[in-house]
C-alpha cells in the first residue's frame, strides 16, 4: 500500500488496514476507497467524522462546506 496516494483500492486497503489506520490517525490523512478506479467511500480522522455527525450528517456537512468554498 502506498500511503502517499489518496486513492486506495478497497482490496489493498483491506489487506493493509493497520497501515491505513495509522496514516489516518497519526498523519491525519484522508483516503478515498476505490472500486475499479471510482471513489466509493472515504476514511477520515475521527474528529472530522464526529463533526459531520454534529452538523446533521454527510448531506448537511456537504451543504455547509459548499457555501464556504463557493462550490455549486
Protein backbone atom coordinates (compact mmCIF):
# COMPACT_ATOMS: atom_id res chain seq x y z
CA UNK A 1 0.00 0.00 0.00
CA UNK A 2 1.34 3.40 -0.99
CA UNK A 3 0.28 5.75 1.82
CA UNK A 4 1.19 8.75 -0.37
CA UNK A 5 -1.70 8.04 -2.75
CA UNK A 6 -5.02 9.36 -1.50
CA UNK A 7 -6.97 6.88 -3.67
CA UNK A 8 -6.70 3.34 -2.31
CA UNK A 9 -8.29 0.29 -3.92
CA UNK A 10 -10.64 -1.36 -1.44
CA UNK A 11 -8.85 -4.72 -1.65
CA UNK A 12 -5.47 -3.10 -0.87
CA UNK A 13 -6.94 -1.06 1.97
CA UNK A 14 -8.47 -4.21 3.46
CA UNK A 15 -5.15 -6.05 3.24
CA UNK A 16 -3.30 -3.12 4.83
CA UNK A 17 -5.87 -1.83 7.31
CA UNK A 18 -3.25 -1.24 10.04
CA UNK A 19 -1.17 1.00 7.77
CA UNK A 20 -4.28 2.84 6.65
CA UNK A 21 -5.43 3.32 10.24
CA UNK A 22 -2.02 4.61 11.33
CA UNK A 23 -1.81 7.09 8.46
CA UNK A 24 -5.29 8.44 9.19
CA UNK A 25 -4.80 8.61 12.95
CA UNK A 26 -1.18 9.77 13.19
CA UNK A 27 -0.68 11.71 9.96
CA UNK A 28 -4.27 12.96 9.71
CA UNK A 29 -4.53 11.80 6.11
CA UNK A 30 -7.80 11.36 4.22
CA UNK A 31 -8.07 8.35 1.92
CA UNK A 32 -10.65 7.51 -0.70
CA UNK A 33 -11.53 3.85 -1.12
CA UNK A 34 -11.93 3.00 -4.78
CA UNK A 35 -13.54 0.24 -6.78
CA UNK A 36 -12.45 -0.01 -10.41
CA UNK A 37 -10.98 3.48 -10.13
CA UNK A 38 -14.17 5.09 -8.82
CA UNK A 39 -14.22 6.67 -5.37
CA UNK A 40 -16.77 4.82 -3.23
CA UNK A 41 -16.05 5.99 0.34
CA UNK A 42 -13.60 7.99 2.44
CA UNK A 43 -11.63 7.19 5.57
CA UNK A 44 -11.13 10.35 7.62
CA UNK A 45 -9.75 11.31 11.03
CA UNK A 46 -12.25 10.72 13.83
CA UNK A 47 -12.70 14.39 14.72
CA UNK A 48 -13.80 15.15 11.16
CA UNK A 49 -16.26 12.24 11.22
CA UNK A 50 -17.66 13.46 14.54
CA UNK A 51 -18.11 16.99 13.16
CA UNK A 52 -20.02 15.58 10.20
CA UNK A 53 -22.35 13.86 12.65
CA UNK A 54 -22.75 17.01 14.77
CA UNK A 55 -23.94 19.11 11.84
CA UNK A 56 -26.57 16.58 10.86
CA UNK A 57 -24.75 14.04 8.72
CA UNK A 58 -22.94 13.95 5.39
CA UNK A 59 -25.55 15.84 3.36
CA UNK A 60 -25.65 18.73 5.84
CA UNK A 61 -21.84 18.83 6.01
CA UNK A 62 -21.58 18.97 2.22
CA UNK A 63 -24.08 21.84 2.06
CA UNK A 64 -22.16 23.80 4.71
CA UNK A 65 -18.79 23.24 3.07
CA UNK A 66 -20.08 24.14 -0.39
CA UNK A 67 -21.14 27.55 0.96
CA UNK A 68 -17.62 28.15 2.28
CA UNK A 69 -15.73 27.09 -0.82
CA UNK A 70 -18.13 28.60 -3.31
CA UNK A 71 -18.95 25.28 -4.98
CA UNK A 72 -22.20 24.94 -6.98
